[in-house]
Protein backbone atom coordinates (compact mmCIF):
# COMPACT_ATOMS: atom_id res chain seq x y z
CA MET A 1 -5.27 -2.84 101.19
CA ASN A 2 -2.24 -3.10 98.94
CA LEU A 3 -2.16 0.29 97.19
CA LYS A 4 0.97 -0.60 95.22
CA ARG A 5 -0.75 -3.61 93.63
CA ILE A 6 -3.79 -1.55 92.68
CA LYS A 7 -1.57 1.02 90.99
CA THR A 8 0.27 -1.70 89.08
CA ASN A 9 -3.01 -3.23 87.86
CA LYS A 10 -4.17 0.18 86.64
CA LYS A 11 -1.01 0.47 84.52
CA LEU A 12 -1.50 -3.00 83.01
CA PHE A 13 -5.15 -2.49 82.21
CA PRO A 14 -4.64 -0.53 78.93
CA LEU A 15 -2.11 -3.13 77.75
CA ILE A 16 -4.55 -5.96 78.47
CA ILE A 17 -7.31 -4.13 76.59
CA SER A 18 -4.99 -3.59 73.62
CA ILE A 19 -3.99 -7.24 73.52
CA PHE A 20 -7.64 -8.26 73.75
CA LEU A 21 -8.59 -6.02 70.83
CA VAL A 22 -5.77 -7.40 68.73
CA VAL A 23 -6.89 -10.96 69.45
CA VAL A 24 -10.48 -10.09 68.54
CA PHE A 25 -9.34 -8.43 65.30
CA VAL A 26 -7.28 -11.44 64.28
CA PHE A 27 -10.16 -13.78 65.10
CA VAL A 28 -12.55 -11.76 62.95
CA GLN A 29 -10.13 -11.77 60.02
CA VAL A 30 -9.62 -15.51 60.27
CA TRP A 31 -13.36 -16.03 60.49
CA GLU A 32 -13.95 -13.94 57.37
CA ILE A 33 -11.26 -15.84 55.49
CA SER A 34 -12.65 -19.19 56.58
CA TRP A 35 -16.32 -18.47 56.18
CA GLY A 36 -16.60 -15.56 53.72
CA ALA A 37 -18.59 -16.11 50.47
CA THR A 38 -16.68 -16.48 47.13
CA ALA A 39 -17.55 -16.88 43.45
CA THR A 40 -15.47 -17.80 40.36
CA ASP A 41 -16.00 -17.83 36.61
CA THR A 42 -13.73 -19.09 33.82
CA VAL A 43 -13.17 -17.17 30.59
CA THR A 44 -11.82 -19.03 27.51
CA LEU A 45 -9.63 -17.08 25.10
CA SER A 46 -9.59 -18.18 21.45
CA VAL A 47 -8.03 -16.97 18.22
CA THR A 48 -7.61 -18.18 14.64
CA VAL A 49 -4.21 -17.62 13.02
CA ALA A 50 -4.63 -16.79 9.33
CA GLN A 51 -2.57 -18.59 6.69
CA THR A 52 0.20 -16.54 5.12
CA ILE A 53 2.65 -17.22 2.31
CA THR A 54 5.33 -15.30 0.45
CA LEU A 55 7.20 -16.31 -2.70
CA ASP A 56 10.47 -15.01 -4.13
CA CYS A 57 11.80 -16.55 -7.33
CA GLY A 58 14.84 -14.34 -7.72
CA ALA A 59 16.16 -12.53 -10.74
CA ASP A 60 15.41 -12.86 -14.45
CA VAL A 61 17.33 -15.59 -16.27
CA ASN A 62 19.40 -15.00 -19.40
CA LEU A 63 19.94 -18.35 -21.10
CA GLY A 64 22.91 -16.99 -23.06
CA THR A 65 23.63 -17.27 -26.78
CA LEU A 66 22.19 -20.32 -28.50
CA THR A 67 23.92 -22.05 -31.37
CA PRO A 68 21.25 -24.39 -32.80
CA GLY A 69 22.16 -27.98 -32.02
CA THR A 70 23.88 -27.07 -28.73
CA PRO A 71 21.29 -26.71 -25.95
CA VAL A 72 21.45 -23.81 -23.49
CA PRO A 73 22.09 -22.97 -20.76
CA THR A 74 25.68 -24.16 -20.74
CA THR A 75 26.37 -22.65 -17.31
CA ASP A 76 24.36 -22.73 -14.10
CA GLN A 77 21.36 -20.56 -14.99
CA HIS A 78 18.27 -21.60 -13.11
CA THR A 79 15.48 -20.30 -10.87
CA THR A 80 15.15 -20.99 -7.16
CA CYS A 81 11.76 -20.16 -5.65
CA THR A 82 11.80 -19.50 -1.91
CA ALA A 83 8.46 -19.89 -0.15
CA THR A 84 7.71 -18.94 3.45
CA SER A 85 4.39 -20.08 4.88
CA ASN A 86 2.75 -20.89 8.20
CA ALA A 87 0.16 -23.16 6.54
CA GLU A 88 -0.51 -26.23 8.67
CA SER A 89 -0.95 -28.50 5.63
CA GLY A 90 1.77 -27.08 3.39
CA TYR A 91 1.53 -25.46 -0.02
CA ASP A 92 1.56 -26.05 -3.77
CA LEU A 93 3.94 -24.44 -6.25
CA LYS A 94 2.56 -23.80 -9.72
CA VAL A 95 3.73 -22.18 -12.96
CA LYS A 96 2.32 -20.85 -16.22
CA ARG A 97 3.59 -19.06 -19.29
CA ASP A 98 2.25 -15.56 -19.88
CA ASP A 99 1.97 -15.68 -23.69
CA ALA A 100 -0.93 -17.51 -25.28
CA ASP A 101 0.92 -19.14 -28.18
CA THR A 102 4.53 -19.78 -27.03
CA THR A 103 6.65 -18.77 -24.07
CA MET A 104 9.32 -16.89 -26.04
CA ASP A 105 8.77 -14.55 -29.01
CA LYS A 106 11.27 -12.57 -31.04
CA THR A 107 11.77 -9.35 -29.14
CA ASP A 108 11.06 -7.13 -32.17
CA ASP A 109 8.51 -9.43 -33.85
CA ALA A 110 5.98 -11.23 -31.64
CA THR A 111 4.82 -13.37 -34.57
CA THR A 112 8.17 -15.18 -34.65
CA ASN A 113 8.27 -17.78 -31.89
CA ILE A 114 10.48 -20.40 -30.31
CA ALA A 115 8.60 -23.66 -29.96
CA ASP A 116 7.85 -25.08 -26.49
CA LYS A 117 8.10 -28.69 -25.41
CA THR A 118 4.73 -30.35 -24.86
CA ALA A 119 3.01 -28.49 -22.01
CA TRP A 120 3.47 -30.01 -18.57
CA ASP A 121 0.55 -32.16 -17.38
CA PRO A 122 0.93 -33.83 -13.96
CA THR A 123 -2.16 -35.99 -14.55
CA ALA A 124 -0.74 -37.66 -17.67
CA GLY A 125 0.25 -41.31 -17.46
CA GLY A 126 -2.07 -41.91 -14.54
CA GLY A 127 -0.29 -39.28 -12.43
CA THR A 128 3.31 -39.87 -13.52
CA GLY A 129 3.29 -36.72 -15.65
CA ASN A 130 4.52 -36.19 -19.20
CA ALA A 131 8.01 -34.77 -18.59
CA ALA A 132 10.89 -36.62 -20.26
CA THR A 133 14.68 -36.62 -20.32
CA TRP A 134 16.07 -34.11 -22.77
CA SER A 135 16.07 -34.74 -26.50
CA GLY A 136 15.29 -32.77 -29.63
CA THR A 137 14.41 -29.09 -29.73
CA GLY A 138 12.12 -26.66 -27.93
CA LEU A 139 11.97 -24.87 -24.58
CA GLY A 140 11.51 -26.99 -21.47
CA PHE A 141 11.74 -26.76 -17.70
CA GLY A 142 12.00 -29.22 -14.82
CA VAL A 143 12.30 -29.28 -11.04
CA TYR A 144 15.74 -30.63 -10.12
CA ALA A 145 15.84 -29.92 -6.36
CA SER A 146 13.59 -28.94 -3.46
CA THR A 147 13.91 -28.64 0.30
CA ALA A 148 10.13 -28.99 0.39
CA THR A 149 9.18 -31.99 -1.81
CA LYS A 150 10.61 -33.08 -5.14
CA ASN A 151 8.54 -35.60 -7.09
CA THR A 152 11.20 -37.71 -8.80
CA THR A 153 8.55 -39.62 -10.73
CA TRP A 154 7.60 -36.35 -12.40
CA TRP A 155 11.02 -34.74 -12.71
CA GLY A 156 13.64 -37.50 -12.60
CA SER A 157 16.49 -38.12 -10.20
CA GLY A 158 18.80 -35.29 -11.33
CA THR A 159 20.30 -33.01 -8.69
CA THR A 160 21.88 -30.17 -10.73
CA TYR A 161 20.62 -27.77 -13.40
CA ASN A 162 22.10 -29.84 -16.27
CA ASP A 163 21.91 -33.38 -14.88
CA ALA A 164 21.23 -35.95 -17.61
CA ASN A 165 18.61 -37.51 -15.31
CA ASN A 166 16.45 -34.37 -15.26
CA LYS A 167 13.07 -34.52 -16.94
CA TYR A 168 11.61 -31.56 -18.86
CA ALA A 169 8.26 -30.38 -20.15
CA GLY A 170 6.90 -27.21 -21.72
CA PHE A 171 5.31 -24.36 -19.79
CA PRO A 172 1.51 -24.68 -19.54
CA THR A 173 -0.89 -21.85 -20.41
CA ALA A 174 -2.63 -21.95 -17.00
CA TYR A 175 -1.24 -22.36 -13.47
CA THR A 176 -0.25 -26.02 -13.13
CA LEU A 177 1.20 -27.89 -10.16
CA ILE A 178 4.95 -28.57 -10.25
CA MET A 179 5.68 -29.13 -6.53
CA ASP A 180 3.31 -30.51 -3.88
CA HIS A 181 4.33 -30.06 -0.24
CA ASP A 182 1.90 -31.34 2.39
CA SER A 183 3.35 -30.42 5.79
CA TYR A 184 4.00 -27.37 7.96
CA GLU A 185 7.47 -25.82 7.88
CA SER A 186 8.71 -23.35 10.48
CA SER A 187 11.27 -21.92 8.06
CA SER A 188 11.50 -21.13 4.35
CA THR A 189 11.72 -23.88 1.73
CA THR A 190 13.25 -23.69 -1.74
CA THR A 191 12.46 -25.30 -5.07
CA SER A 192 14.97 -25.08 -7.93
CA ILE A 193 13.90 -25.16 -11.58
CA ALA A 194 16.16 -25.91 -14.54
CA TYR A 195 15.60 -24.62 -18.08
CA ARG A 196 16.67 -26.23 -21.35
CA LEU A 197 16.41 -24.85 -24.87
CA ASP A 198 17.47 -25.85 -28.36
CA THR A 199 16.12 -24.90 -31.78
CA ALA A 200 16.26 -26.10 -35.33
CA ALA A 201 19.03 -24.68 -37.51
CA THR A 202 16.37 -22.69 -39.38
CA GLN A 203 15.33 -20.65 -36.32
CA LYS A 204 15.53 -16.95 -37.22
CA SER A 205 18.46 -15.27 -35.52
CA GLY A 206 18.05 -12.44 -33.06
CA ALA A 207 16.92 -11.75 -29.49
CA TYR A 208 13.93 -13.57 -28.00
CA ASP A 209 12.20 -13.21 -24.65
CA GLY A 210 9.08 -14.13 -22.72
CA THR A 211 7.81 -14.33 -19.16
CA ILE A 212 6.57 -17.09 -16.91
CA THR A 213 4.85 -16.70 -13.53
CA TYR A 214 5.23 -18.90 -10.48
CA GLN A 215 2.48 -19.14 -7.87
CA ALA A 216 2.51 -20.57 -4.34
CA VAL A 217 -0.84 -21.58 -2.87
CA THR A 218 -1.45 -22.67 0.73
CA LYS A 219 -3.50 -25.78 1.41
CA PRO A 220 -6.66 -25.52 3.56
């Protein structure tokens, strides 16, 4: 009998057992991966982003000193309304005067008024509006520029506050559309409004004032 060989086999036996156990372990893991049961389920996430809008129409406007017969303003005095909105379908810009009878009253006597031009009506003339190039007396306004949408049929082709091609109308007593923008914008848009005023020579002298309010409304 070869005693040396028997001793060698006894030393290898634990190693063989260890290798065998490792092989069995790996086989079991592979079997579980290949044949183990699984289940899945899908969850849908949803959210509705609300419409938002902000409007900033800047500082008050002093039209200067009016000499009847020479319309004011004579320098660049206008309003630029900046709107920021995430509305998918855009927004409308509207305006109204805040006094029931006329926009501007004498500061120390509300019964003394400055006449307005005929109130703006975008539905007049079958949708062409009733604004007109400047003539005569009264207080008027008109949109002369917009990075959103300027309706040149309504407001004329002017591009500056005193352009002869601007069209003007009086301020309405209720919120009325002056700019209609029908698309989404990822950044702010601006709309610039010109003012024009002249009076008859008989207009009582002194300081006059009045307020108007602009409103931006998102579209559904």
